Amino acid sequence: MSIPLDRICQHLAELAPLALAESWDNVGLLVGDRSRSVQRVMTCLTVTPDAAAEAVDQKADLIVAHHPIPFRPLKRLTSDSMTGSVLLSLLSSGVAVYSAHTAFDSAPGGINQQWAESLSLGDIQAIQSPDDGQPLGSGRYGKLPKSMSASELIQKCGNTVGATRLRAAGDASQMIQTVGFACGSGGSFVSAAHRAGCDLLITGEATFHDCLAAESLGMVLGMLGHYHSERFAMENLASDLQAKFETLTVWASQNETDPVRDLR
């Protein structure tokens, strides 16, 4: 039995309140007619041409993607750009798109919270608190049940999500007790994580200067790769949606892969 698209959007907004999104972000229902019904839902990290083709081929009615498409305002919608071509393909096949992005990063059950809970961290808190005094915020940090080396913990996180290109800035041999998470491109959280008392900040990717900043502060910055720091949560979300809406068919994209690969 199909479910109204608006009902699914409401549920997604309860999981990740859109007010938690960063001001620069583009979140919520980005493509589609709220009055239509949905039977087949695909989750993915990014709506790439391959992911879009899978959604069309598998007759998905809705894509729940982490990264927004479109992200920036479009002056024209043509096939001359990758974004335009993907959107035209989805529109012609009646596929809606919903993204929570940074709202899901910061949500009570969102990506950073999932990372923190996966390590059984104690006293989990936001790394960056919002200006409006709300209890929720961006990133997460907490204390490990037992101290371990930064290298050991980064390897443990990498093994959890199948990440093989692990990197670190700073002395990864040092023992750590307090660890922070900022999924995706989270290098900008280095200073805030240091102020919060983190010995280690784990993210997906970071700039050269973020790495230098972490090293100068005596911290370790662990990098799992952008894809692996977030993709697992979209697989979890597919399972959650299937459990919530039992009559739907929900799956995580099978075509989506990490675009960054090792040279052979």
Protein backbone atom coordinates (compact mmCIF):
# COMPACT_ATOMS: atom_id res chain seq x y z
CA MET A 1 0.00 0.00 0.00
CA SER A 2 1.32 3.43 -0.95
CA ILE A 3 1.86 6.28 1.53
CA PRO A 4 1.34 10.02 0.87
CA LEU A 5 4.64 11.72 0.17
CA ASP A 6 3.80 14.47 2.64
CA ARG A 7 3.43 11.92 5.44
CA ILE A 8 6.91 10.57 4.74
CA CYS A 9 8.29 14.11 4.64
CA GLN A 10 6.71 14.82 8.02
CA HIS A 11 8.30 11.70 9.49
CA LEU A 12 11.71 12.63 8.08
CA ALA A 13 11.35 16.12 9.53
CA GLU A 14 10.63 14.56 12.92
CA LEU A 15 13.78 12.44 12.68
CA ALA A 16 15.86 15.43 11.61
CA PRO A 17 14.13 18.76 12.36
CA LEU A 18 14.97 21.08 9.48
CA ALA A 19 15.58 23.95 11.90
CA LEU A 20 18.83 22.15 12.82
CA ALA A 21 20.23 22.66 9.32
CA GLU A 22 22.98 25.20 8.73
CA SER A 23 21.83 28.52 7.29
CA TRP A 24 23.66 27.89 4.01
CA ASP A 25 22.07 24.49 3.45
CA ASN A 26 19.18 23.43 1.19
CA VAL A 27 16.99 20.90 2.98
CA GLY A 28 13.54 19.32 2.96
CA LEU A 29 11.51 18.25 -0.06
CA LEU A 30 13.55 19.55 -3.00
CA VAL A 31 11.78 17.86 -5.91
CA GLY A 32 8.27 16.49 -6.05
CA ASP A 33 4.54 16.90 -5.42
CA ARG A 34 3.55 16.45 -1.76
CA SER A 35 0.08 15.29 -2.74
CA ARG A 36 1.36 12.24 -4.63
CA SER A 37 1.58 8.76 -3.11
CA VAL A 38 4.80 6.81 -2.68
CA GLN A 39 5.38 3.06 -2.84
CA ARG A 40 9.12 2.66 -3.51
CA VAL A 41 11.85 4.62 -1.70
CA MET A 42 15.61 4.60 -2.23
CA THR A 43 18.12 6.17 0.14
CA CYS A 44 21.60 7.29 -0.89
CA LEU A 45 24.37 9.60 0.16
CA THR A 46 24.50 11.57 -3.11
CA VAL A 47 22.21 11.66 -6.14
CA THR A 48 24.86 10.84 -8.72
CA PRO A 49 23.96 9.94 -12.31
CA ASP A 50 24.38 6.25 -11.37
CA ALA A 51 22.15 6.59 -8.30
CA ALA A 52 19.54 8.50 -10.30
CA ALA A 53 19.60 5.83 -13.03
CA GLU A 54 19.06 3.15 -10.39
CA ALA A 55 16.09 5.04 -8.95
CA VAL A 56 14.53 5.37 -12.40
CA ASP A 57 15.27 1.75 -13.39
CA GLN A 58 13.88 0.41 -10.11
CA LYS A 59 10.82 2.67 -10.36
CA ALA A 60 11.48 4.55 -7.14
CA ASP A 61 8.92 7.21 -6.26
CA LEU A 62 11.20 8.97 -3.77
CA ILE A 63 14.93 9.34 -3.18
CA VAL A 64 15.97 10.27 0.35
CA ALA A 65 19.48 11.61 -0.17
CA HIS A 66 21.87 13.05 2.36
CA HIS A 67 23.45 15.61 0.03
CA PRO A 68 20.94 18.04 -1.52
CA ILE A 69 20.18 18.25 -5.22
CA PRO A 70 19.91 20.98 -6.19
CA PHE A 71 22.26 22.46 -3.61
CA ARG A 72 22.57 25.98 -5.02
CA PRO A 73 19.81 27.94 -6.78
CA LEU A 74 19.52 27.15 -10.48
CA LYS A 75 19.16 29.89 -13.09
CA ARG A 76 18.20 27.32 -15.73
CA LEU A 77 17.26 23.66 -15.81
CA THR A 78 18.85 22.04 -18.86
CA SER A 79 20.84 18.91 -19.65
CA ASP A 80 23.96 21.03 -20.16
CA SER A 81 25.04 20.39 -16.56
CA MET A 82 25.23 17.19 -14.52
CA THR A 83 22.78 18.58 -11.96
CA GLY A 84 20.32 19.66 -14.64
CA SER A 85 20.57 16.35 -16.48
CA VAL A 86 19.96 14.35 -13.29
CA LEU A 87 17.03 16.52 -12.24
CA LEU A 88 15.40 16.31 -15.68
CA SER A 89 15.71 12.55 -15.59
CA LEU A 90 14.11 12.34 -12.14
CA LEU A 91 11.34 14.80 -13.02
CA SER A 92 10.44 12.96 -16.22
CA SER A 93 10.12 9.72 -14.23
CA GLY A 94 8.19 11.28 -11.36
CA VAL A 95 10.90 10.67 -8.75
CA ALA A 96 10.80 13.02 -5.75
CA VAL A 97 13.90 14.01 -3.76
CA TYR A 98 14.18 14.77 -0.05
CA SER A 99 17.36 15.81 1.78
CA ALA A 100 17.98 16.63 5.43
CA HIS A 101 21.80 17.00 5.13
CA THR A 102 23.17 19.08 8.03
CA ALA A 103 19.90 18.68 9.91
CA PHE A 104 20.53 14.91 9.89
CA ASP A 105 24.17 15.48 10.87
CA SER A 106 23.00 17.26 14.03
CA ALA A 107 19.75 15.41 14.80
CA PRO A 108 19.23 13.52 18.09
CA GLY A 109 19.49 10.26 16.15
CA GLY A 110 21.57 11.64 13.30
CA ILE A 111 24.94 10.70 11.89
CA ASN A 112 27.23 12.17 14.54
CA GLN A 113 25.03 10.83 17.33
CA GLN A 114 25.14 7.38 15.73
CA TRP A 115 28.94 7.53 15.67
CA ALA A 116 29.08 8.56 19.33
CA GLU A 117 26.69 5.85 20.43
CA SER A 118 28.48 3.18 18.37
CA LEU A 119 31.51 3.67 20.65
CA SER A 120 29.40 3.82 23.82
CA LEU A 121 30.69 7.30 24.62
CA GLY A 122 29.65 8.77 27.93
CA ASP A 123 28.21 12.26 28.48
CA ILE A 124 27.57 12.84 24.75
CA GLN A 125 27.22 16.53 23.88
CA ALA A 126 27.26 18.79 20.82
CA ILE A 127 30.63 20.20 19.81
CA GLN A 128 29.08 23.47 18.68
CA SER A 129 25.98 24.78 20.42
CA PRO A 130 23.51 26.94 18.49
CA ASP A 131 23.29 30.67 19.15
CA ASP A 132 19.61 30.45 20.13
CA GLY A 133 20.31 28.48 23.29
CA GLN A 134 18.68 25.27 22.06
CA PRO A 135 20.13 22.07 23.58
CA LEU A 136 21.05 20.52 20.24
CA GLY A 137 23.96 21.57 18.09
CA SER A 138 26.52 20.45 15.54
CA GLY A 139 28.94 17.56 15.95
CA ARG A 140 29.17 15.25 18.94
CA TYR A 141 31.79 14.40 21.54
CA GLY A 142 32.05 12.24 24.63
CA LYS A 143 34.33 10.10 26.75
CA LEU A 144 35.43 6.59 25.86
CA PRO A 145 34.66 3.82 28.34
CA LYS A 146 38.39 2.99 28.23
CA SER A 147 41.24 5.04 26.84
CA MET A 148 43.02 3.79 23.72
CA SER A 149 45.44 5.16 21.16
CA ALA A 150 44.10 7.48 18.49
CA SER A 151 45.38 5.09 15.83
CA GLU A 152 43.50 2.17 17.37
CA LEU A 153 40.24 4.09 17.53
CA ILE A 154 40.52 5.44 13.98
CA GLN A 155 41.16 1.89 12.77
CA LYS A 156 38.16 0.66 14.74
CA CYS A 157 35.89 3.28 13.17
CA GLY A 158 37.27 2.51 9.73
CA ASN A 159 36.64 -1.20 10.15
CA THR A 160 33.06 -0.48 11.22
CA VAL A 161 32.20 1.18 7.91
CA GLY A 162 34.64 -0.56 5.59
CA ALA A 163 36.92 2.44 5.13
CA THR A 164 40.40 1.50 3.91
CA ARG A 165 42.02 4.88 3.20
CA LEU A 166 42.44 6.08 6.77
CA ARG A 167 44.55 9.15 7.49
CA ALA A 168 45.53 11.14 10.54
CA ALA A 169 47.14 14.46 11.42
CA GLY A 170 48.96 14.79 14.74
CA ASP A 171 50.49 12.09 16.91
CA ALA A 172 48.18 9.12 16.36
CA SER A 173 50.09 7.05 18.93
CA GLN A 174 48.89 9.19 21.82
CA MET A 175 46.29 7.82 24.21
CA ILE A 176 42.91 9.48 24.08
CA GLN A 177 39.90 9.68 26.35
CA THR A 178 37.63 12.29 24.78
CA VAL A 179 36.69 11.97 21.10
CA GLY A 180 34.58 14.11 18.80
CA PHE A 181 32.77 13.38 15.55
CA ALA A 182 32.01 15.75 12.69
CA CYS A 183 30.97 13.69 9.67
CA GLY A 184 31.62 14.70 6.08
CA SER A 185 33.89 17.71 5.63
CA GLY A 186 34.30 18.43 9.33
CA GLY A 187 37.77 19.93 9.56
CA SER A 188 36.32 23.30 10.51
CA PHE A 189 35.33 21.75 13.86
CA VAL A 190 38.95 21.40 15.02
CA SER A 191 39.06 24.52 17.18
CA ALA A 192 35.63 23.91 18.73
CA ALA A 193 36.54 20.28 19.43
CA HIS A 194 39.73 21.42 21.14
CA ARG A 195 37.80 23.87 23.30
CA ALA A 196 35.46 21.01 24.24
CA GLY A 197 38.44 19.00 25.46
CA CYS A 198 38.65 16.49 22.62
CA ASP A 199 41.91 14.60 22.21
CA LEU A 200 40.76 13.30 18.83
CA LEU A 201 38.32 14.56 16.20
CA ILE A 202 37.12 12.06 13.61
CA THR A 203 35.72 13.34 10.33
CA GLY A 204 35.49 12.37 6.70
CA GLU A 205 37.88 14.82 5.10
CA ALA A 206 39.74 17.99 6.06
CA THR A 207 41.92 20.62 4.44
CA PHE A 208 45.69 20.87 4.78
CA HIS A 209 45.27 23.88 7.07
CA ASP A 210 42.76 22.03 9.28
CA CYS A 211 45.37 19.32 9.68
CA LEU A 212 48.00 21.87 10.62
CA ALA A 213 45.61 23.44 13.13
CA ALA A 214 44.94 20.08 14.81
CA GLU A 215 48.64 19.29 15.01
CA SER A 216 49.46 22.70 16.48
CA LEU A 217 46.79 22.21 19.17
CA GLY A 218 48.20 18.83 20.17
CA MET A 219 45.11 17.04 18.90
CA VAL A 220 44.73 14.16 16.49
CA LEU A 221 42.49 14.60 13.44
CA GLY A 222 41.33 11.28 12.00
CA MET A 223 39.92 11.10 8.47
CA LEU A 224 37.83 8.15 7.26
CA GLY A 225 36.90 9.56 3.85
CA HIS A 226 33.78 11.64 3.23
CA TYR A 227 31.78 8.73 1.79
CA HIS A 228 32.51 6.28 4.58
CA SER A 229 31.90 8.79 7.35
CA GLU A 230 28.26 9.17 6.24
CA ARG A 231 27.05 6.43 3.88
CA PHE A 232 26.38 3.90 6.67
CA ALA A 233 23.73 6.20 8.13
CA MET A 234 21.75 6.17 4.89
CA GLU A 235 21.71 2.37 5.04
CA ASN A 236 20.44 2.63 8.62
CA LEU A 237 17.83 5.16 7.49
CA ALA A 238 16.55 2.74 4.84
CA SER A 239 16.02 0.13 7.56
CA ASP A 240 14.32 2.67 9.82
CA LEU A 241 11.94 3.80 7.08
CA GLN A 242 11.08 0.22 6.20
CA ALA A 243 10.26 -0.50 9.85
CA LYS A 244 8.14 2.65 10.13
CA PHE A 245 6.27 2.20 6.83
CA GLU A 246 5.95 -1.56 6.45
CA THR A 247 3.91 -1.38 3.26
CA LEU A 248 6.64 0.48 1.39
CA THR A 249 9.59 -1.03 -0.43
CA VAL A 250 12.72 0.73 0.85
CA TRP A 251 16.36 0.09 -0.03
CA ALA A 252 19.74 1.80 0.09
CA SER A 253 21.23 2.44 -3.34
CA GLN A 254 23.18 -0.51 -4.71
CA ASN A 255 24.90 1.53 -7.43
CA GLU A 256 26.43 4.14 -5.13
CA THR A 257 30.15 3.82 -4.45
CA ASP A 258 32.95 5.95 -3.07
CA PRO A 259 34.16 8.16 -5.95
CA VAL A 260 37.67 8.30 -4.44
CA ARG A 261 39.68 5.21 -5.37
CA ASP A 262 43.26 4.01 -4.98
CA LEU A 263 45.47 3.97 -8.06
CA ARG A 264 46.67 0.50 -8.97
